[in-house]
């Protein structure tokens, strides 16, 4: 049984190199989703951010990951030679298939990666709520 086959990501338009950006300057971070013996893991690449700048919200079977990666160089009027790092607001929506308990999800942010562990479950929650992000010791 392959539960991930019904997993859906809501993405913005794709730019060259596989990056997701929109004309407003928002972006979508690289994301891995994989199965473990205990459930599903969502791992998001978010280097250079503070956990306070992240927000995880659950509504039904959908996880919304959003936040802002701040760029101090643009405010200082830097003149870029090469610019490959995305800054500004980002947002990802991940719709999970039945069988996972987002109400028991645990999120942690360490070494530039947000990891959300979603256990296999029973009945889905019908109310919207937030998932706190914990900082792990390095």
Protein backbone atom coordinates (compact mmCIF):
# COMPACT_ATOMS: atom_id res chain seq x y z
CA UNK A 1 0.00 0.00 0.00
CA UNK A 2 1.57 3.29 -1.12
CA UNK A 3 0.02 6.11 0.93
CA UNK A 4 2.35 8.75 -0.51
CA UNK A 5 0.85 8.36 -3.98
CA UNK A 6 -2.03 10.65 -2.92
CA UNK A 7 0.22 13.27 -1.29
CA UNK A 8 -0.21 16.74 -2.83
CA UNK A 9 2.02 19.81 -2.74
CA UNK A 10 0.71 23.25 -3.60
CA UNK A 11 3.62 25.00 -5.34
CA UNK A 12 4.24 28.33 -6.98
CA UNK A 13 5.58 28.54 -10.55
CA UNK A 14 8.91 26.81 -11.13
CA UNK A 15 11.97 28.91 -11.97
CA UNK A 16 15.18 27.68 -13.60
CA UNK A 17 17.08 25.17 -11.51
CA UNK A 18 13.92 23.74 -9.95
CA UNK A 19 13.40 26.66 -7.56
CA UNK A 20 9.88 27.79 -6.88
CA UNK A 21 9.29 31.51 -6.98
CA UNK A 22 6.49 33.86 -7.88
CA UNK A 23 6.59 37.32 -9.39
CA UNK A 24 6.01 38.83 -5.93
CA UNK A 25 9.36 37.46 -4.70
CA UNK A 26 7.94 34.66 -2.57
CA UNK A 27 9.50 31.21 -2.82
CA UNK A 28 8.92 27.59 -1.90
CA UNK A 29 11.69 25.73 -0.04
CA UNK A 30 13.03 22.33 -1.05
CA UNK A 31 11.01 19.62 0.71
CA UNK A 32 11.44 15.88 1.22
CA UNK A 33 8.58 13.64 2.37
CA UNK A 34 9.28 10.05 3.33
CA UNK A 35 7.76 7.14 5.21
CA UNK A 36 9.15 5.60 8.38
CA UNK A 37 7.91 2.71 10.52
CA UNK A 38 6.08 5.25 12.72
CA UNK A 39 4.49 7.45 10.06
CA UNK A 40 5.48 10.23 7.70
CA UNK A 41 8.37 12.71 7.86
CA UNK A 42 8.34 16.10 6.17
CA UNK A 43 11.80 17.68 5.98
CA UNK A 44 12.15 21.26 4.73
CA UNK A 45 15.41 23.04 3.86
CA UNK A 46 15.29 26.47 5.58
CA UNK A 47 18.89 27.55 6.21
CA UNK A 48 19.52 30.92 7.82
CA UNK A 49 16.17 31.20 9.55
CA UNK A 50 15.07 31.52 13.15
CA UNK A 51 12.37 29.20 14.45
CA UNK A 52 10.42 32.30 15.49
CA UNK A 53 10.06 33.17 11.79
CA UNK A 54 8.32 29.86 11.02
CA UNK A 55 4.62 29.08 11.26
CA UNK A 56 3.01 25.66 10.88
CA UNK A 57 -0.76 25.50 10.65
CA UNK A 58 -2.99 22.47 10.26
CA UNK A 59 -6.46 22.47 8.82
CA UNK A 60 -8.03 19.08 8.25
CA UNK A 61 -5.45 16.94 6.45
CA UNK A 62 -3.43 19.92 5.15
CA UNK A 63 -0.19 21.25 6.66
CA UNK A 64 0.74 24.85 5.80
CA UNK A 65 4.39 25.80 6.39
CA UNK A 66 5.14 29.50 6.04
CA UNK A 67 7.56 32.14 7.19
CA UNK A 68 10.06 34.80 6.20
CA UNK A 69 13.78 34.52 5.51
CA UNK A 70 15.17 38.00 6.10
CA UNK A 71 17.88 39.60 3.94
CA UNK A 72 19.95 42.26 5.72
CA UNK A 73 22.12 42.87 2.66
CA UNK A 74 19.37 44.36 0.49
CA UNK A 75 18.54 46.88 3.21
CA UNK A 76 22.23 47.85 3.21
CA UNK A 77 22.10 48.46 -0.57
CA UNK A 78 24.44 45.60 -1.51
CA UNK A 79 25.30 45.11 -5.18
CA UNK A 80 25.10 41.39 -5.89
CA UNK A 81 27.51 39.67 -8.25
CA UNK A 82 25.70 36.34 -7.84
CA UNK A 83 22.41 35.86 -6.00
CA UNK A 84 21.10 32.31 -5.61
CA UNK A 85 19.56 32.38 -2.13
CA UNK A 86 15.83 33.08 -1.92
CA UNK A 87 14.68 35.64 0.64
CA UNK A 88 11.32 36.95 1.71
CA UNK A 89 8.03 35.20 2.39
CA UNK A 90 7.59 31.51 1.62
CA UNK A 91 4.71 29.11 1.88
CA UNK A 92 4.15 25.40 1.25
CA UNK A 93 0.91 23.46 1.54
CA UNK A 94 1.13 19.71 1.96
CA UNK A 95 -2.07 17.71 1.79
CA UNK A 96 -1.67 14.36 3.51
CA UNK A 97 -3.64 11.28 2.56
CA UNK A 98 -5.88 9.59 5.15
CA UNK A 99 -4.05 7.56 7.76
CA UNK A 100 -1.83 10.24 9.36
CA UNK A 101 -2.48 12.17 12.57
CA UNK A 102 -1.50 15.83 12.10
CA UNK A 103 -2.94 16.64 15.55
CA UNK A 104 -0.04 14.61 17.03
CA UNK A 105 2.63 16.03 14.68
CA UNK A 106 5.93 17.16 16.21
CA UNK A 107 8.13 19.78 14.58
CA UNK A 108 11.77 20.64 15.25
CA UNK A 109 14.25 23.01 13.60
CA UNK A 110 17.94 22.14 13.64
CA UNK A 111 20.93 22.94 11.42
CA UNK A 112 18.79 24.69 8.82
CA UNK A 113 16.20 21.92 8.47
CA UNK A 114 12.62 21.88 9.69
CA UNK A 115 11.49 18.33 10.43
CA UNK A 116 7.84 17.47 10.97
CA UNK A 117 7.08 13.94 12.19
CA UNK A 118 3.49 12.89 11.54
CA UNK A 119 2.47 9.57 13.14
CA UNK A 120 0.14 7.11 11.50
CA UNK A 121 -3.30 7.59 12.96
CA UNK A 122 -6.99 7.14 13.42
CA UNK A 123 -9.60 9.89 12.82
CA UNK A 124 -8.78 13.33 11.32
CA UNK A 125 -9.15 16.56 13.30
CA UNK A 126 -11.82 18.97 12.08
CA UNK A 127 -10.49 22.15 13.75
CA UNK A 128 -7.59 24.35 12.58
CA UNK A 129 -4.58 24.62 14.92
CA UNK A 130 -0.85 25.47 14.97
CA UNK A 131 2.10 23.12 15.50
CA UNK A 132 4.87 24.56 17.73
CA UNK A 133 8.47 24.40 16.41
CA UNK A 134 11.08 23.27 18.93
CA UNK A 135 14.79 24.03 18.73
CA UNK A 136 16.92 20.95 19.24
CA UNK A 137 20.31 21.03 20.93
CA UNK A 138 23.13 20.77 18.43
